[in-house]
Every structure is written in structure tokens, then in C-alpha cells.
Amino acid sequence: MRNVCADFETELVEFNSGTSHVRPLVNIPPKVTVSKLVNSLKDTPSRQLRKEFPDLATPLWPYTSRNRFTTD
């Protein structure tokens, strides 16, 4: 997560997780598109898990869900 945030020049302030979801708190500058950052934050762990466990054929719902919340 920190690597992805660094790539987007954002700051990962806080990170909490549950059994089926994660809650990152990220400072995002105006030049960063929220949807691109969120998609990258979700795609990276999904890709890593599929690489480590190639038998995972079903979607990884916590990482592929389109749900997101943003606030100013």
C-alpha cells in the first residue's frame, strides 16, 4: 500500500483492516484521480495473491468490489 501511495505521490495516513475489507486513510492531492488510485490500491494485492496462489480462480471480492468512499 505504501509503495502504491508513493507512486501516486499520496500519503497513507492510517490503515485498518477487517476479515473482508480494508480501510485506508489517504491524503490525496488534487492532481490525483481518486478512482485510479483506488483501482491501483486494490489491483496490487490481488495480483500478488494470484501470483502466490495460482489456483485462485474466483474473483477476490474484497479487492475487486467497486465500493469506495471519499470525502473532502
N, C-alpha and C. Protein backbone atom coordinates (compact mmCIF):
# COMPACT_ATOMS: atom_id res chain seq x y z
N MET A 1 0.82 -1.19 0.00
CA MET A 1 0.00 0.00 0.00
C MET A 1 0.86 1.26 0.00
N ARG A 2 1.87 1.26 0.85
CA ARG A 2 2.74 2.45 0.91
C ARG A 2 3.45 2.69 -0.42
N ASN A 3 3.84 1.60 -1.10
CA ASN A 3 4.51 1.75 -2.39
C ASN A 3 3.57 2.37 -3.43
N VAL A 4 2.33 1.91 -3.45
CA VAL A 4 1.36 2.46 -4.40
C VAL A 4 1.12 3.93 -4.09
N CYS A 5 0.95 4.25 -2.81
CA CYS A 5 0.74 5.65 -2.42
C CYS A 5 1.93 6.51 -2.82
N ALA A 6 3.13 5.99 -2.64
CA ALA A 6 4.33 6.74 -3.03
C ALA A 6 4.36 6.96 -4.54
N ASP A 7 3.97 5.94 -5.31
CA ASP A 7 3.93 6.08 -6.77
C ASP A 7 2.98 7.20 -7.20
N PHE A 8 1.89 7.38 -6.46
CA PHE A 8 0.90 8.40 -6.79
C PHE A 8 1.16 9.72 -6.07
N GLU A 9 2.26 9.80 -5.32
CA GLU A 9 2.61 10.99 -4.54
C GLU A 9 1.50 11.34 -3.55
N THR A 10 0.96 10.32 -2.90
CA THR A 10 -0.05 10.48 -1.86
C THR A 10 0.54 9.98 -0.54
N GLU A 11 -0.18 10.20 0.55
CA GLU A 11 0.30 9.80 1.86
C GLU A 11 -0.70 8.84 2.52
N LEU A 12 -0.23 7.63 2.86
CA LEU A 12 -1.05 6.69 3.61
C LEU A 12 -0.97 7.09 5.08
N VAL A 13 -2.04 7.68 5.61
CA VAL A 13 -2.06 8.21 6.97
C VAL A 13 -2.37 7.11 7.97
N GLU A 14 -3.35 6.27 7.62
CA GLU A 14 -3.81 5.23 8.56
C GLU A 14 -4.32 4.05 7.74
N PHE A 15 -4.21 2.86 8.32
CA PHE A 15 -4.66 1.65 7.63
C PHE A 15 -5.28 0.71 8.65
N ASN A 16 -6.56 0.36 8.46
CA ASN A 16 -7.25 -0.61 9.30
C ASN A 16 -7.82 -1.69 8.40
N SER A 17 -7.90 -2.90 8.91
CA SER A 17 -8.47 -3.97 8.10
C SER A 17 -9.38 -4.85 8.93
N GLY A 18 -10.33 -5.46 8.24
CA GLY A 18 -11.23 -6.44 8.83
C GLY A 18 -11.02 -7.76 8.13
N THR A 19 -11.91 -8.69 8.35
CA THR A 19 -11.76 -10.01 7.71
C THR A 19 -12.04 -9.96 6.22
N SER A 20 -12.86 -9.01 5.76
CA SER A 20 -13.21 -8.99 4.34
C SER A 20 -13.05 -7.60 3.71
N HIS A 21 -12.38 -6.69 4.39
CA HIS A 21 -12.25 -5.34 3.84
C HIS A 21 -11.06 -4.61 4.47
N VAL A 22 -10.68 -3.53 3.81
CA VAL A 22 -9.63 -2.67 4.34
C VAL A 22 -10.14 -1.23 4.34
N ARG A 23 -9.59 -0.42 5.25
CA ARG A 23 -9.96 0.99 5.34
C ARG A 23 -8.68 1.83 5.38
N PRO A 24 -8.19 2.22 4.21
CA PRO A 24 -7.03 3.11 4.21
C PRO A 24 -7.49 4.57 4.29
N LEU A 25 -6.77 5.36 5.03
CA LEU A 25 -6.99 6.80 5.08
C LEU A 25 -5.80 7.42 4.35
N VAL A 26 -6.09 8.07 3.23
CA VAL A 26 -5.03 8.56 2.35
C VAL A 26 -5.22 10.04 2.07
N ASN A 27 -4.16 10.82 2.21
CA ASN A 27 -4.16 12.22 1.77
C ASN A 27 -3.86 12.23 0.28
N ILE A 28 -4.78 12.80 -0.50
CA ILE A 28 -4.65 12.78 -1.96
C ILE A 28 -4.61 14.21 -2.48
N PRO A 29 -3.54 14.57 -3.20
CA PRO A 29 -3.51 15.92 -3.78
C PRO A 29 -4.52 16.03 -4.93
N PRO A 30 -4.95 17.24 -5.25
CA PRO A 30 -5.97 17.44 -6.29
C PRO A 30 -5.61 16.86 -7.66
N LYS A 31 -4.33 16.75 -7.95
CA LYS A 31 -3.94 16.25 -9.28
C LYS A 31 -4.14 14.75 -9.45
N VAL A 32 -4.39 14.01 -8.36
CA VAL A 32 -4.54 12.55 -8.42
C VAL A 32 -6.02 12.20 -8.57
N THR A 33 -6.31 11.34 -9.53
CA THR A 33 -7.67 10.86 -9.72
C THR A 33 -7.95 9.76 -8.71
N VAL A 34 -8.98 9.96 -7.89
CA VAL A 34 -9.29 9.02 -6.81
C VAL A 34 -9.54 7.62 -7.36
N SER A 35 -10.29 7.51 -8.43
CA SER A 35 -10.61 6.18 -8.97
C SER A 35 -9.36 5.43 -9.42
N LYS A 36 -8.39 6.13 -10.03
CA LYS A 36 -7.16 5.45 -10.46
C LYS A 36 -6.34 4.98 -9.26
N LEU A 37 -6.27 5.81 -8.21
CA LEU A 37 -5.55 5.42 -7.00
C LEU A 37 -6.21 4.21 -6.36
N VAL A 38 -7.53 4.25 -6.19
CA VAL A 38 -8.25 3.15 -5.55
C VAL A 38 -8.09 1.87 -6.36
N ASN A 39 -8.24 1.95 -7.67
CA ASN A 39 -8.08 0.75 -8.50
C ASN A 39 -6.68 0.17 -8.37
N SER A 40 -5.67 1.02 -8.30
CA SER A 40 -4.30 0.53 -8.13
C SER A 40 -4.09 -0.07 -6.75
N LEU A 41 -4.68 0.55 -5.72
CA LEU A 41 -4.57 0.01 -4.37
C LEU A 41 -5.23 -1.37 -4.26
N LYS A 42 -6.28 -1.59 -5.03
CA LYS A 42 -6.97 -2.88 -4.99
C LYS A 42 -6.31 -3.91 -5.91
N ASP A 43 -5.80 -3.46 -7.04
CA ASP A 43 -5.23 -4.38 -8.02
C ASP A 43 -3.91 -4.99 -7.55
N THR A 44 -3.08 -4.20 -6.89
CA THR A 44 -1.75 -4.67 -6.48
C THR A 44 -1.81 -5.89 -5.56
N PRO A 45 -2.57 -5.86 -4.43
CA PRO A 45 -2.63 -7.05 -3.58
C PRO A 45 -3.31 -8.23 -4.27
N SER A 46 -4.30 -7.94 -5.11
CA SER A 46 -4.99 -9.01 -5.83
C SER A 46 -4.01 -9.74 -6.76
N ARG A 47 -3.21 -8.97 -7.49
CA ARG A 47 -2.21 -9.55 -8.39
C ARG A 47 -1.17 -10.36 -7.62
N GLN A 48 -0.73 -9.83 -6.48
CA GLN A 48 0.26 -10.54 -5.66
C GLN A 48 -0.31 -11.86 -5.14
N LEU A 49 -1.56 -11.85 -4.69
CA LEU A 49 -2.18 -13.08 -4.19
C LEU A 49 -2.33 -14.12 -5.30
N ARG A 50 -2.76 -13.67 -6.50
CA ARG A 50 -2.91 -14.61 -7.61
C ARG A 50 -1.57 -15.17 -8.05
N LYS A 51 -0.51 -14.39 -7.93
CA LYS A 51 0.83 -14.87 -8.28
C LYS A 51 1.30 -15.92 -7.27
N GLU A 52 1.05 -15.66 -5.98
CA GLU A 52 1.46 -16.59 -4.93
C GLU A 52 0.59 -17.84 -4.89
N PHE A 53 -0.70 -17.70 -5.21
CA PHE A 53 -1.64 -18.82 -5.18
C PHE A 53 -2.33 -18.93 -6.54
N PRO A 54 -1.69 -19.55 -7.52
CA PRO A 54 -2.24 -19.59 -8.88
C PRO A 54 -3.58 -20.33 -8.98
N ASP A 55 -3.92 -21.13 -8.00
CA ASP A 55 -5.19 -21.86 -8.05
C ASP A 55 -6.39 -20.97 -7.74
N LEU A 56 -6.14 -19.74 -7.35
CA LEU A 56 -7.25 -18.82 -7.09
C LEU A 56 -7.89 -18.42 -8.42
N ALA A 57 -9.00 -19.03 -8.72
CA ALA A 57 -9.67 -18.74 -9.99
C ALA A 57 -10.86 -17.82 -9.78
N THR A 58 -11.41 -17.79 -8.58
CA THR A 58 -12.58 -16.95 -8.32
C THR A 58 -12.13 -15.53 -8.02
N PRO A 59 -12.99 -14.57 -8.31
CA PRO A 59 -12.63 -13.17 -8.01
C PRO A 59 -12.37 -12.97 -6.53
N LEU A 60 -11.48 -12.07 -6.22
CA LEU A 60 -11.16 -11.73 -4.84
C LEU A 60 -12.02 -10.53 -4.46
N TRP A 61 -13.23 -10.80 -4.00
CA TRP A 61 -14.23 -9.75 -3.81
C TRP A 61 -13.77 -8.58 -2.94
N PRO A 62 -13.03 -8.77 -1.85
CA PRO A 62 -12.63 -7.57 -1.10
C PRO A 62 -11.77 -6.62 -1.93
N TYR A 63 -11.10 -7.15 -2.94
CA TYR A 63 -10.21 -6.31 -3.75
C TYR A 63 -10.83 -5.88 -5.07
N THR A 64 -11.89 -6.55 -5.50
CA THR A 64 -12.46 -6.22 -6.81
C THR A 64 -13.77 -5.48 -6.71
N SER A 65 -14.30 -5.29 -5.52
CA SER A 65 -15.55 -4.56 -5.34
C SER A 65 -15.38 -3.12 -5.81
N ARG A 66 -16.41 -2.54 -6.39
CA ARG A 66 -16.36 -1.17 -6.86
C ARG A 66 -16.73 -0.16 -5.76
N ASN A 67 -16.98 -0.63 -4.55
CA ASN A 67 -17.37 0.28 -3.47
C ASN A 67 -16.19 1.12 -3.03
N ARG A 68 -16.44 2.42 -2.84
CA ARG A 68 -15.43 3.32 -2.32
C ARG A 68 -16.12 4.52 -1.69
N PHE A 69 -15.46 5.13 -0.75
CA PHE A 69 -15.98 6.31 -0.08
C PHE A 69 -14.90 7.36 -0.04
N THR A 70 -15.24 8.56 -0.43
CA THR A 70 -14.28 9.66 -0.35
C THR A 70 -14.96 10.85 0.29
N THR A 71 -14.16 11.70 0.88
CA THR A 71 -14.69 12.92 1.50
C THR A 71 -13.65 14.03 1.40
N ASP A 72 -14.11 15.26 1.45
CA ASP A 72 -13.19 16.41 1.42
C ASP A 72 -12.75 16.77 2.80
